Amino acid sequence: MKRIIIFFLLLIPLLFSYTYAKEVSKMVENIHWLGHDTFKITGKDVT
């Protein structure tokens, strides 16, 4: 039983990070490098 609880405690953050990454990839269409440490991100607003 203890192993099952630990498994789900490790699985939940992985699922949240995966869904967050999918949502960000939908919003961001392109990332333009403008120079040293400067980026311009173009995309659409997903609300």
PDB file of N, CA and C in Angstrom:
ATOM      1  N   MET A   1       0.826  -1.207   0.000  1.00  0.00           N
ATOM      2  CA  MET A   1       0.000   0.000   0.000  1.00  0.00           C
ATOM      3  C   MET A   1       0.864   1.263   0.000  1.00  0.00           C
ATOM      4  N   LYS A   2       1.951   1.201   0.757  1.00  0.00           N
ATOM      5  CA  LYS A   2       2.845   2.356   0.838  1.00  0.00           C
ATOM      6  C   LYS A   2       3.474   2.664  -0.525  1.00  0.00           C
ATOM      7  N   ARG A   3       3.801   1.618  -1.281  1.00  0.00           N
ATOM      8  CA  ARG A   3       4.395   1.827  -2.608  1.00  0.00           C
ATOM      9  C   ARG A   3       3.409   2.491  -3.558  1.00  0.00           C
ATOM     10  N   ILE A   4       2.146   2.124  -3.457  1.00  0.00           N
ATOM     11  CA  ILE A   4       1.119   2.716  -4.321  1.00  0.00           C
ATOM     12  C   ILE A   4       0.971   4.203  -4.032  1.00  0.00           C
ATOM     13  N   ILE A   5       0.975   4.570  -2.766  1.00  0.00           N
ATOM     14  CA  ILE A   5       0.853   5.985  -2.390  1.00  0.00           C
ATOM     15  C   ILE A   5       2.052   6.772  -2.894  1.00  0.00           C
ATOM     16  N   ILE A   6       3.244   6.221  -2.734  1.00  0.00           N
ATOM     17  CA  ILE A   6       4.456   6.904  -3.213  1.00  0.00           C
ATOM     18  C   ILE A   6       4.421   7.039  -4.732  1.00  0.00           C
ATOM     19  N   PHE A   7       3.944   6.004  -5.421  1.00  0.00           N
ATOM     20  CA  PHE A   7       3.846   6.053  -6.877  1.00  0.00           C
ATOM     21  C   PHE A   7       2.947   7.195  -7.334  1.00  0.00           C
ATOM     22  N   PHE A   8       1.774   7.328  -6.704  1.00  0.00           N
ATOM     23  CA  PHE A   8       0.857   8.395  -7.098  1.00  0.00           C
ATOM     24  C   PHE A   8       1.381   9.772  -6.712  1.00  0.00           C
ATOM     25  N   LEU A   9       2.103   9.863  -5.606  1.00  0.00           N
ATOM     26  CA  LEU A   9       2.691  11.149  -5.226  1.00  0.00           C
ATOM     27  C   LEU A   9       3.764  11.578  -6.220  1.00  0.00           C
ATOM     28  N   LEU A  10       4.446  10.623  -6.821  1.00  0.00           N
ATOM     29  CA  LEU A  10       5.437  10.958  -7.844  1.00  0.00           C
ATOM     30  C   LEU A  10       4.796  11.194  -9.205  1.00  0.00           C
ATOM     31  N   LEU A  11       3.672  10.543  -9.465  1.00  0.00           N
ATOM     32  CA  LEU A  11       3.023  10.642 -10.768  1.00  0.00           C
ATOM     33  C   LEU A  11       2.266  11.955 -10.953  1.00  0.00           C
ATOM     34  N   ILE A  12       1.655  12.471  -9.912  1.00  0.00           N
ATOM     35  CA  ILE A  12       0.828  13.684 -10.012  1.00  0.00           C
ATOM     36  C   ILE A  12       1.630  14.890 -10.512  1.00  0.00           C
ATOM     37  N   PRO A  13       2.812  15.200  -9.956  1.00  0.00           N
ATOM     38  CA  PRO A  13       3.568  16.349 -10.505  1.00  0.00           C
ATOM     39  C   PRO A  13       3.987  16.155 -11.956  1.00  0.00           C
ATOM     40  N   LEU A  14       4.284  14.926 -12.345  1.00  0.00           N
ATOM     41  CA  LEU A  14       4.655  14.678 -13.740  1.00  0.00           C
ATOM     42  C   LEU A  14       3.493  14.954 -14.680  1.00  0.00           C
ATOM     43  N   LEU A  15       2.291  14.576 -14.281  1.00  0.00           N
ATOM     44  CA  LEU A  15       1.117  14.836 -15.116  1.00  0.00           C
ATOM     45  C   LEU A  15       0.838  16.328 -15.232  1.00  0.00           C
ATOM     46  N   PHE A  16       0.978  17.062 -14.126  1.00  0.00           N
ATOM     47  CA  PHE A  16       0.751  18.504 -14.177  1.00  0.00           C
ATOM     48  C   PHE A  16       1.779  19.194 -15.063  1.00  0.00           C
ATOM     49  N   SER A  17       3.035  18.788 -14.986  1.00  0.00           N
ATOM     50  CA  SER A  17       4.060  19.425 -15.813  1.00  0.00           C
ATOM     51  C   SER A  17       3.843  19.102 -17.289  1.00  0.00           C
ATOM     52  N   TYR A  18       3.358  17.898 -17.594  1.00  0.00           N
ATOM     53  CA  TYR A  18       3.102  17.522 -18.987  1.00  0.00           C
ATOM     54  C   TYR A  18       1.949  18.330 -19.573  1.00  0.00           C
ATOM     55  N   THR A  19       0.861  18.474 -18.826  1.00  0.00           N
ATOM     56  CA  THR A  19      -0.281  19.237 -19.340  1.00  0.00           C
ATOM     57  C   THR A  19       0.062  20.713 -19.450  1.00  0.00           C
ATOM     58  N   TYR A  20       0.873  21.237 -18.525  1.00  0.00           N
ATOM     59  CA  TYR A  20       1.302  22.634 -18.594  1.00  0.00           C
ATOM     60  C   TYR A  20       2.167  22.860 -19.831  1.00  0.00           C
ATOM     61  N   ALA A  21       3.054  21.932 -20.121  1.00  0.00           N
ATOM     62  CA  ALA A  21       3.920  22.058 -21.294  1.00  0.00           C
ATOM     63  C   ALA A  21       3.105  22.007 -22.582  1.00  0.00           C
ATOM     64  N   LYS A  22       2.069  21.180 -22.624  1.00  0.00           N
ATOM     65  CA  LYS A  22       1.222  21.119 -23.816  1.00  0.00           C
ATOM     66  C   LYS A  22       0.469  22.428 -24.013  1.00  0.00           C
ATOM     67  N   GLU A  23      -0.008  23.029 -22.925  1.00  0.00           N
ATOM     68  CA  GLU A  23      -0.749  24.285 -23.033  1.00  0.00           C
ATOM     69  C   GLU A  23       0.162  25.418 -23.483  1.00  0.00           C
ATOM     70  N   VAL A  24       1.371  25.465 -22.957  1.00  0.00           N
ATOM     71  CA  VAL A  24       2.326  26.498 -23.361  1.00  0.00           C
ATOM     72  C   VAL A  24       2.691  26.324 -24.829  1.00  0.00           C
ATOM     73  N   SER A  25       2.870  25.096 -25.281  1.00  0.00           N
ATOM     74  CA  SER A  25       3.221  24.890 -26.685  1.00  0.00           C
ATOM     75  C   SER A  25       2.080  25.280 -27.616  1.00  0.00           C
ATOM     76  N   LYS A  26       0.834  25.227 -27.143  1.00  0.00           N
ATOM     77  CA  LYS A  26      -0.289  25.699 -27.954  1.00  0.00           C
ATOM     78  C   LYS A  26      -0.274  27.222 -28.070  1.00  0.00           C
ATOM     79  N   MET A  27       0.107  27.914 -26.996  1.00  0.00           N
ATOM     80  CA  MET A  27       0.085  29.375 -27.000  1.00  0.00           C
ATOM     81  C   MET A  27       1.245  29.958 -27.795  1.00  0.00           C
ATOM     82  N   VAL A  28       2.407  29.350 -27.678  1.00  0.00           N
ATOM     83  CA  VAL A  28       3.609  29.904 -28.298  1.00  0.00           C
ATOM     84  C   VAL A  28       3.736  29.351 -29.712  1.00  0.00           C
ATOM     85  N   GLU A  29       3.707  30.238 -30.681  1.00  0.00           N
ATOM     86  CA  GLU A  29       3.864  29.812 -32.068  1.00  0.00           C
ATOM     87  C   GLU A  29       5.324  29.846 -32.499  1.00  0.00           C
ATOM     88  N   ASN A  30       6.048  30.847 -32.046  1.00  0.00           N
ATOM     89  CA  ASN A  30       7.426  30.980 -32.474  1.00  0.00           C
ATOM     90  C   ASN A  30       8.205  31.800 -31.458  1.00  0.00           C
ATOM     91  N   ILE A  31       9.465  31.460 -31.290  1.00  0.00           N
ATOM     92  CA  ILE A  31      10.350  32.208 -30.397  1.00  0.00           C
ATOM     93  C   ILE A  31      11.488  32.755 -31.253  1.00  0.00           C
ATOM     94  N   HIS A  32      11.648  34.066 -31.248  1.00  0.00           N
ATOM     95  CA  HIS A  32      12.684  34.715 -32.048  1.00  0.00           C
ATOM     96  C   HIS A  32      13.813  35.159 -31.131  1.00  0.00           C
ATOM     97  N   TRP A  33      15.030  34.803 -31.494  1.00  0.00           N
ATOM     98  CA  TRP A  33      16.192  35.233 -30.741  1.00  0.00           C
ATOM     99  C   TRP A  33      16.616  36.599 -31.257  1.00  0.00           C
ATOM    100  N   LEU A  34      16.585  37.602 -30.357  1.00  0.00           N
ATOM    101  CA  LEU A  34      16.892  38.974 -30.758  1.00  0.00           C
ATOM    102  C   LEU A  34      18.306  39.390 -30.390  1.00  0.00           C
ATOM    103  N   GLY A  35      19.018  38.565 -29.700  1.00  0.00           N
ATOM    104  CA  GLY A  35      20.363  38.908 -29.283  1.00  0.00           C
ATOM    105  C   GLY A  35      20.665  38.240 -27.957  1.00  0.00           C
ATOM    106  N   HIS A  36      21.689  38.734 -27.300  1.00  0.00           N
ATOM    107  CA  HIS A  36      22.128  38.133 -26.040  1.00  0.00           C
ATOM    108  C   HIS A  36      21.034  38.240 -24.977  1.00  0.00           C
ATOM    109  N   ASP A  37      20.510  37.119 -24.537  1.00  0.00           N
ATOM    110  CA  ASP A  37      19.483  37.034 -23.480  1.00  0.00           C
ATOM    111  C   ASP A  37      18.204  37.789 -23.822  1.00  0.00           C
ATOM    112  N   THR A  38      17.888  37.962 -25.095  1.00  0.00           N
ATOM    113  CA  THR A  38      16.671  38.672 -25.477  1.00  0.00           C
ATOM    114  C   THR A  38      15.887  37.818 -26.471  1.00  0.00           C
ATOM    115  N   PHE A  39      14.642  37.572 -26.126  1.00  0.00           N
ATOM    116  CA  PHE A  39      13.787  36.762 -26.981  1.00  0.00           C
ATOM    117  C   PHE A  39      12.455  37.462 -27.193  1.00  0.00           C
ATOM    118  N   LYS A  40      11.874  37.258 -28.351  1.00  0.00           N
ATOM    119  CA  LYS A  40      10.528  37.736 -28.635  1.00  0.00           C
ATOM    120  C   LYS A  40       9.667  36.506 -28.901  1.00  0.00           C
ATOM    121  N   ILE A  41       8.605  36.350 -28.125  1.00  0.00           N
ATOM    122  CA  ILE A  41       7.735  35.191 -28.255  1.00  0.00           C
ATOM    123  C   ILE A  41       6.439  35.632 -28.913  1.00  0.00           C
ATOM    124  N   THR A  42       6.136  35.049 -30.051  1.00  0.00           N
ATOM    125  CA  THR A  42       4.877  35.352 -30.722  1.00  0.00           C
ATOM    126  C   THR A  42       3.943  34.166 -30.542  1.00  0.00           C
ATOM    127  N   GLY A  43       2.681  34.475 -30.376  1.00  0.00           N
ATOM    128  CA  GLY A  43       1.707  33.407 -30.181  1.00  0.00           C
ATOM    129  C   GLY A  43       0.318  33.978 -30.083  1.00  0.00           C
ATOM    130  N   LYS A  44      -0.580  33.146 -29.587  1.00  0.00           N
ATOM    131  CA  LYS A  44      -1.959  33.581 -29.441  1.00  0.00           C
ATOM    132  C   LYS A  44      -2.379  33.407 -27.994  1.00  0.00           C
ATOM    133  N   ASP A  45      -3.366  34.159 -27.586  1.00  0.00           N
ATOM    134  CA  ASP A  45      -3.860  34.110 -26.215  1.00  0.00           C
ATOM    135  C   ASP A  45      -4.860  32.973 -26.094  1.00  0.00           C
ATOM    136  N   VAL A  46      -4.576  32.042 -25.224  1.00  0.00           N
ATOM    137  CA  VAL A  46      -5.478  30.919 -24.990  1.00  0.00           C
ATOM    138  C   VAL A  46      -6.124  31.125 -23.636  1.00  0.00           C
ATOM    139  N   THR A  47      -7.392  31.514 -23.640  1.00  0.00           N
ATOM    140  CA  THR A  47      -8.096  31.723 -22.371  1.00  0.00           C
ATOM    141  C   THR A  47      -9.394  30.966 -22.365  1.00  0.00           C
TER     142      THR A  47
END
